[in-house]
Amino acid sequence: MTSVLTLNNWIVKMNLSCTSTYNPGLFSLIYFFGTMTGSSFLPRMADIYGRRAVLIFSLVVHLLSYFVVVYYHLIYFYFCMLFLMGLVFPALYYVVIIYATEFV
C-alpha cells in the first residue's frame, strides 16, 4: 500500500487512511480531556504533597508515556497514553509556573 513517495507517518503506521473520520479527531480530543481532568486535581495535589514531588512524578509519567507512544503503534493504546500525557500536563505547566514564582 505504501510507495517510495509516501511519508512514513502515524496515519500509515496505524492504518488510519481507511478508518472512520472520528478516529483522527480523537487524538486531540482525548489529550485535552486528560488535560481538563488533570487540571481539576493536580494543582491541589501540589499544594498538599509538595510542588516538587508532583512535578517530578508528572515528568516521569509524561516521559515514560511519550516513549511508549513513539515505539508502540496500537491505536487504542495510543489513546490511553495520550490521555495519560494530558492528565499530567497541568502539573508540567501550571505547577511549574507557581513553583518558579516562589523563587522570584
N, C-alpha and C. Protein backbone atom coordinates (compact mmCIF):
# COMPACT_ATOMS: atom_id res chain seq x y z
N MET A 1 0.82 -1.19 0.00
CA MET A 1 0.00 0.00 0.00
C MET A 1 0.86 1.25 0.00
N THR A 2 2.03 1.20 0.61
CA THR A 2 2.89 2.37 0.63
C THR A 2 3.84 2.33 -0.55
N SER A 3 4.20 3.49 -0.99
CA SER A 3 5.16 3.61 -2.08
C SER A 3 6.38 4.37 -1.58
N VAL A 4 7.31 4.59 -2.45
CA VAL A 4 8.52 5.31 -2.09
C VAL A 4 8.19 6.77 -1.77
N LEU A 5 7.15 7.30 -2.39
CA LEU A 5 6.79 8.70 -2.20
C LEU A 5 5.92 8.95 -0.97
N THR A 6 5.47 7.90 -0.31
CA THR A 6 4.61 8.04 0.86
C THR A 6 5.45 8.33 2.10
N LEU A 7 4.99 9.29 2.89
CA LEU A 7 5.65 9.56 4.16
C LEU A 7 5.30 8.44 5.14
N ASN A 8 6.26 8.05 5.93
CA ASN A 8 6.04 7.02 6.94
C ASN A 8 5.61 7.70 8.23
N ASN A 9 4.36 8.12 8.28
CA ASN A 9 3.87 8.85 9.44
C ASN A 9 2.88 8.01 10.22
N TRP A 10 2.24 8.60 11.23
CA TRP A 10 1.36 7.84 12.12
C TRP A 10 0.08 7.40 11.43
N ILE A 11 -0.34 8.07 10.37
CA ILE A 11 -1.53 7.64 9.64
C ILE A 11 -1.26 6.31 8.93
N VAL A 12 -0.08 6.16 8.38
CA VAL A 12 0.28 4.91 7.72
C VAL A 12 0.57 3.83 8.74
N LYS A 13 1.28 4.16 9.82
CA LYS A 13 1.65 3.16 10.83
C LYS A 13 0.44 2.58 11.56
N MET A 14 -0.58 3.39 11.78
CA MET A 14 -1.76 2.92 12.50
C MET A 14 -2.91 2.56 11.57
N ASN A 15 -2.66 2.60 10.26
CA ASN A 15 -3.65 2.24 9.26
C ASN A 15 -4.93 3.06 9.41
N LEU A 16 -4.77 4.38 9.48
CA LEU A 16 -5.91 5.28 9.65
C LEU A 16 -6.43 5.86 8.35
N SER A 17 -5.85 5.49 7.23
CA SER A 17 -6.28 6.08 5.97
C SER A 17 -7.66 5.60 5.54
N CYS A 18 -8.07 4.43 5.96
CA CYS A 18 -9.37 3.89 5.56
C CYS A 18 -10.31 3.68 6.74
N THR A 19 -10.08 4.34 7.85
CA THR A 19 -10.95 4.19 9.01
C THR A 19 -12.01 5.27 9.01
N SER A 20 -12.84 5.24 10.01
CA SER A 20 -13.88 6.26 10.11
C SER A 20 -13.27 7.62 10.40
N THR A 21 -14.04 8.66 10.16
CA THR A 21 -13.49 10.01 10.26
C THR A 21 -13.30 10.48 11.70
N TYR A 22 -13.90 9.83 12.65
CA TYR A 22 -13.77 10.31 14.03
C TYR A 22 -12.48 9.85 14.69
N ASN A 23 -11.82 8.79 14.19
CA ASN A 23 -10.58 8.31 14.83
C ASN A 23 -9.46 9.34 14.83
N PRO A 24 -9.14 10.01 13.71
CA PRO A 24 -8.08 11.04 13.80
C PRO A 24 -8.45 12.20 14.71
N GLY A 25 -9.72 12.53 14.81
CA GLY A 25 -10.13 13.61 15.70
C GLY A 25 -10.04 13.25 17.17
N LEU A 26 -10.04 11.97 17.48
CA LEU A 26 -9.95 11.55 18.88
C LEU A 26 -8.57 11.81 19.49
N PHE A 27 -7.54 11.95 18.66
CA PHE A 27 -6.20 12.19 19.18
C PHE A 27 -6.15 13.46 20.02
N SER A 28 -6.63 14.55 19.47
CA SER A 28 -6.59 15.80 20.23
C SER A 28 -7.68 15.84 21.29
N LEU A 29 -8.83 15.23 21.02
CA LEU A 29 -9.92 15.25 22.00
C LEU A 29 -9.53 14.52 23.28
N ILE A 30 -8.91 13.37 23.16
CA ILE A 30 -8.53 12.60 24.34
C ILE A 30 -7.43 13.31 25.12
N TYR A 31 -6.48 13.93 24.41
CA TYR A 31 -5.42 14.66 25.10
C TYR A 31 -6.00 15.82 25.91
N PHE A 32 -6.89 16.59 25.31
CA PHE A 32 -7.46 17.73 26.01
C PHE A 32 -8.44 17.30 27.10
N PHE A 33 -9.09 16.17 26.94
CA PHE A 33 -9.94 15.65 28.01
C PHE A 33 -9.08 15.25 29.21
N GLY A 34 -7.91 14.66 28.94
CA GLY A 34 -6.98 14.35 30.03
C GLY A 34 -6.47 15.61 30.71
N THR A 35 -6.21 16.65 29.93
CA THR A 35 -5.75 17.91 30.50
C THR A 35 -6.84 18.54 31.36
N MET A 36 -8.07 18.47 30.91
CA MET A 36 -9.18 19.01 31.69
C MET A 36 -9.34 18.23 33.00
N THR A 37 -9.20 16.92 32.93
CA THR A 37 -9.33 16.10 34.14
C THR A 37 -8.18 16.37 35.11
N GLY A 38 -6.97 16.46 34.59
CA GLY A 38 -5.82 16.72 35.44
C GLY A 38 -5.82 18.11 36.06
N SER A 39 -6.43 19.07 35.36
CA SER A 39 -6.50 20.43 35.90
C SER A 39 -7.37 20.52 37.13
N SER A 40 -8.26 19.56 37.29
CA SER A 40 -9.16 19.63 38.43
C SER A 40 -8.54 19.14 39.74
N PHE A 41 -7.47 18.32 39.66
CA PHE A 41 -6.92 17.80 40.92
C PHE A 41 -5.40 17.93 41.07
N LEU A 42 -4.65 18.09 40.00
CA LEU A 42 -3.19 18.15 40.15
C LEU A 42 -2.69 19.41 40.87
N PRO A 43 -3.21 20.60 40.60
CA PRO A 43 -2.74 21.74 41.38
C PRO A 43 -3.02 21.60 42.88
N ARG A 44 -4.14 21.00 43.22
CA ARG A 44 -4.44 20.79 44.64
C ARG A 44 -3.51 19.74 45.24
N MET A 45 -3.17 18.71 44.47
CA MET A 45 -2.20 17.71 44.96
C MET A 45 -0.84 18.34 45.17
N ALA A 46 -0.49 19.32 44.33
CA ALA A 46 0.79 20.01 44.51
C ALA A 46 0.80 20.82 45.80
N ASP A 47 -0.34 21.36 46.19
CA ASP A 47 -0.42 22.09 47.45
C ASP A 47 -0.34 21.14 48.65
N ILE A 48 -0.91 19.96 48.51
CA ILE A 48 -0.94 19.02 49.63
C ILE A 48 0.38 18.28 49.78
N TYR A 49 0.87 17.69 48.71
CA TYR A 49 2.06 16.83 48.78
C TYR A 49 3.37 17.52 48.42
N GLY A 50 3.30 18.74 47.98
CA GLY A 50 4.50 19.48 47.61
C GLY A 50 4.63 19.60 46.11
N ARG A 51 5.03 20.77 45.68
CA ARG A 51 5.11 21.02 44.24
C ARG A 51 6.22 20.21 43.58
N ARG A 52 7.32 20.05 44.28
CA ARG A 52 8.45 19.32 43.69
C ARG A 52 8.11 17.85 43.48
N ALA A 53 7.45 17.22 44.44
CA ALA A 53 7.10 15.80 44.31
C ALA A 53 6.12 15.57 43.17
N VAL A 54 5.12 16.44 43.06
CA VAL A 54 4.13 16.30 41.99
C VAL A 54 4.78 16.59 40.64
N LEU A 55 5.68 17.55 40.60
CA LEU A 55 6.36 17.88 39.35
C LEU A 55 7.25 16.73 38.89
N ILE A 56 8.02 16.15 39.77
CA ILE A 56 8.89 15.03 39.39
C ILE A 56 8.07 13.82 38.97
N PHE A 57 6.99 13.53 39.70
CA PHE A 57 6.11 12.43 39.32
C PHE A 57 5.52 12.66 37.94
N SER A 58 5.08 13.87 37.67
CA SER A 58 4.47 14.17 36.37
C SER A 58 5.49 14.11 35.25
N LEU A 59 6.71 14.56 35.51
CA LEU A 59 7.76 14.46 34.49
C LEU A 59 8.07 13.02 34.14
N VAL A 60 8.16 12.17 35.14
CA VAL A 60 8.46 10.76 34.89
C VAL A 60 7.32 10.09 34.12
N VAL A 61 6.09 10.33 34.53
CA VAL A 61 4.95 9.73 33.85
C VAL A 61 4.85 10.24 32.42
N HIS A 62 5.07 11.54 32.22
CA HIS A 62 4.98 12.11 30.88
C HIS A 62 6.07 11.56 29.97
N LEU A 63 7.29 11.48 30.45
CA LEU A 63 8.38 10.95 29.62
C LEU A 63 8.20 9.48 29.30
N LEU A 64 7.78 8.69 30.27
CA LEU A 64 7.56 7.27 30.00
C LEU A 64 6.43 7.05 29.00
N SER A 65 5.34 7.78 29.16
CA SER A 65 4.24 7.62 28.22
C SER A 65 4.61 8.15 26.84
N TYR A 66 5.44 9.18 26.77
CA TYR A 66 5.90 9.69 25.48
C TYR A 66 6.74 8.65 24.75
N PHE A 67 7.66 8.00 25.46
CA PHE A 67 8.49 6.99 24.81
C PHE A 67 7.67 5.76 24.42
N VAL A 68 6.66 5.44 25.18
CA VAL A 68 5.78 4.32 24.81
C VAL A 68 5.01 4.66 23.54
N VAL A 69 4.55 5.90 23.42
CA VAL A 69 3.83 6.32 22.22
C VAL A 69 4.72 6.25 20.98
N VAL A 70 5.98 6.56 21.14
CA VAL A 70 6.89 6.55 19.99
C VAL A 70 7.10 5.13 19.47
N TYR A 71 7.14 4.14 20.35
CA TYR A 71 7.51 2.80 19.92
C TYR A 71 6.34 1.84 19.71
N TYR A 72 5.17 2.11 20.29
CA TYR A 72 4.02 1.23 20.10
C TYR A 72 2.99 1.94 19.23
N HIS A 73 2.51 1.25 18.23
CA HIS A 73 1.62 1.88 17.26
C HIS A 73 0.24 1.24 17.25
N LEU A 74 -0.26 0.86 18.40
CA LEU A 74 -1.63 0.37 18.52
C LEU A 74 -2.52 1.56 18.87
N ILE A 75 -3.57 1.76 18.11
CA ILE A 75 -4.33 3.00 18.21
C ILE A 75 -5.01 3.18 19.57
N TYR A 76 -5.59 2.14 20.14
CA TYR A 76 -6.28 2.31 21.42
C TYR A 76 -5.28 2.45 22.57
N PHE A 77 -4.14 1.81 22.46
CA PHE A 77 -3.08 2.01 23.44
C PHE A 77 -2.53 3.43 23.34
N TYR A 78 -2.45 3.93 22.12
CA TYR A 78 -2.01 5.30 21.87
C TYR A 78 -3.00 6.29 22.51
N PHE A 79 -4.30 6.00 22.41
CA PHE A 79 -5.30 6.86 23.04
C PHE A 79 -5.12 6.89 24.55
N CYS A 80 -4.83 5.74 25.15
CA CYS A 80 -4.62 5.69 26.60
C CYS A 80 -3.39 6.49 27.02
N MET A 81 -2.33 6.39 26.24
CA MET A 81 -1.11 7.14 26.57
C MET A 81 -1.32 8.63 26.36
N LEU A 82 -2.10 9.02 25.35
CA LEU A 82 -2.40 10.44 25.16
C LEU A 82 -3.22 10.99 26.33
N PHE A 83 -4.17 10.20 26.82
CA PHE A 83 -4.93 10.63 27.99
C PHE A 83 -4.01 10.79 29.20
N LEU A 84 -3.08 9.86 29.37
CA LEU A 84 -2.15 9.94 30.49
C LEU A 84 -1.23 11.14 30.37
N MET A 85 -0.76 11.44 29.16
CA MET A 85 0.07 12.62 28.96
C MET A 85 -0.73 13.90 29.21
N GLY A 86 -1.97 13.92 28.79
CA GLY A 86 -2.83 15.07 29.06
C GLY A 86 -3.15 15.20 30.53
N LEU A 87 -3.25 14.07 31.22
CA LEU A 87 -3.58 14.07 32.64
C LEU A 87 -2.48 14.73 33.47
N VAL A 88 -1.22 14.51 33.12
CA VAL A 88 -0.12 15.08 33.90
C VAL A 88 0.37 16.41 33.34
N PHE A 89 -0.17 16.85 32.21
CA PHE A 89 0.27 18.12 31.63
C PHE A 89 0.03 19.32 32.54
N PRO A 90 -1.10 19.42 33.25
CA PRO A 90 -1.28 20.58 34.13
C PRO A 90 -0.19 20.73 35.18
N ALA A 91 0.35 19.63 35.66
CA ALA A 91 1.45 19.74 36.62
C ALA A 91 2.70 20.27 35.95
N LEU A 92 2.88 19.94 34.68
CA LEU A 92 4.06 20.42 33.96
C LEU A 92 3.91 21.88 33.54
N TYR A 93 2.71 22.37 33.50
CA TYR A 93 2.50 23.75 33.08
C TYR A 93 2.13 24.66 34.25
N TYR A 94 1.04 24.37 34.93
CA TYR A 94 0.57 25.26 35.99
C TYR A 94 1.44 25.20 37.23
N VAL A 95 1.84 24.02 37.63
CA VAL A 95 2.62 23.87 38.86
C VAL A 95 4.02 24.44 38.66
N VAL A 96 4.57 24.32 37.46
CA VAL A 96 5.90 24.89 37.20
C VAL A 96 5.87 26.40 37.31
N ILE A 97 4.83 27.03 36.82
CA ILE A 97 4.72 28.50 36.92
C ILE A 97 4.64 28.92 38.39
N ILE A 98 3.85 28.24 39.17
CA ILE A 98 3.74 28.57 40.59
C ILE A 98 5.06 28.30 41.31
N TYR A 99 5.68 27.19 40.97
CA TYR A 99 6.96 26.81 41.60
C TYR A 99 8.05 27.82 41.24
N ALA A 100 8.05 28.30 40.01
CA ALA A 100 9.08 29.26 39.58
C ALA A 100 8.86 30.63 40.21
N THR A 101 7.62 31.03 40.42
CA THR A 101 7.38 32.35 41.02
C THR A 101 7.73 32.39 42.50
N GLU A 102 7.84 31.23 43.13
CA GLU A 102 8.26 31.21 44.53
C GLU A 102 9.73 31.60 44.68
N PHE A 103 10.51 31.43 43.62
CA PHE A 103 11.93 31.76 43.69
C PHE A 103 12.21 33.21 43.32
N VAL A 104 11.23 33.92 42.80
CA VAL A 104 11.44 35.29 42.37
C VAL A 104 11.25 36.23 43.53
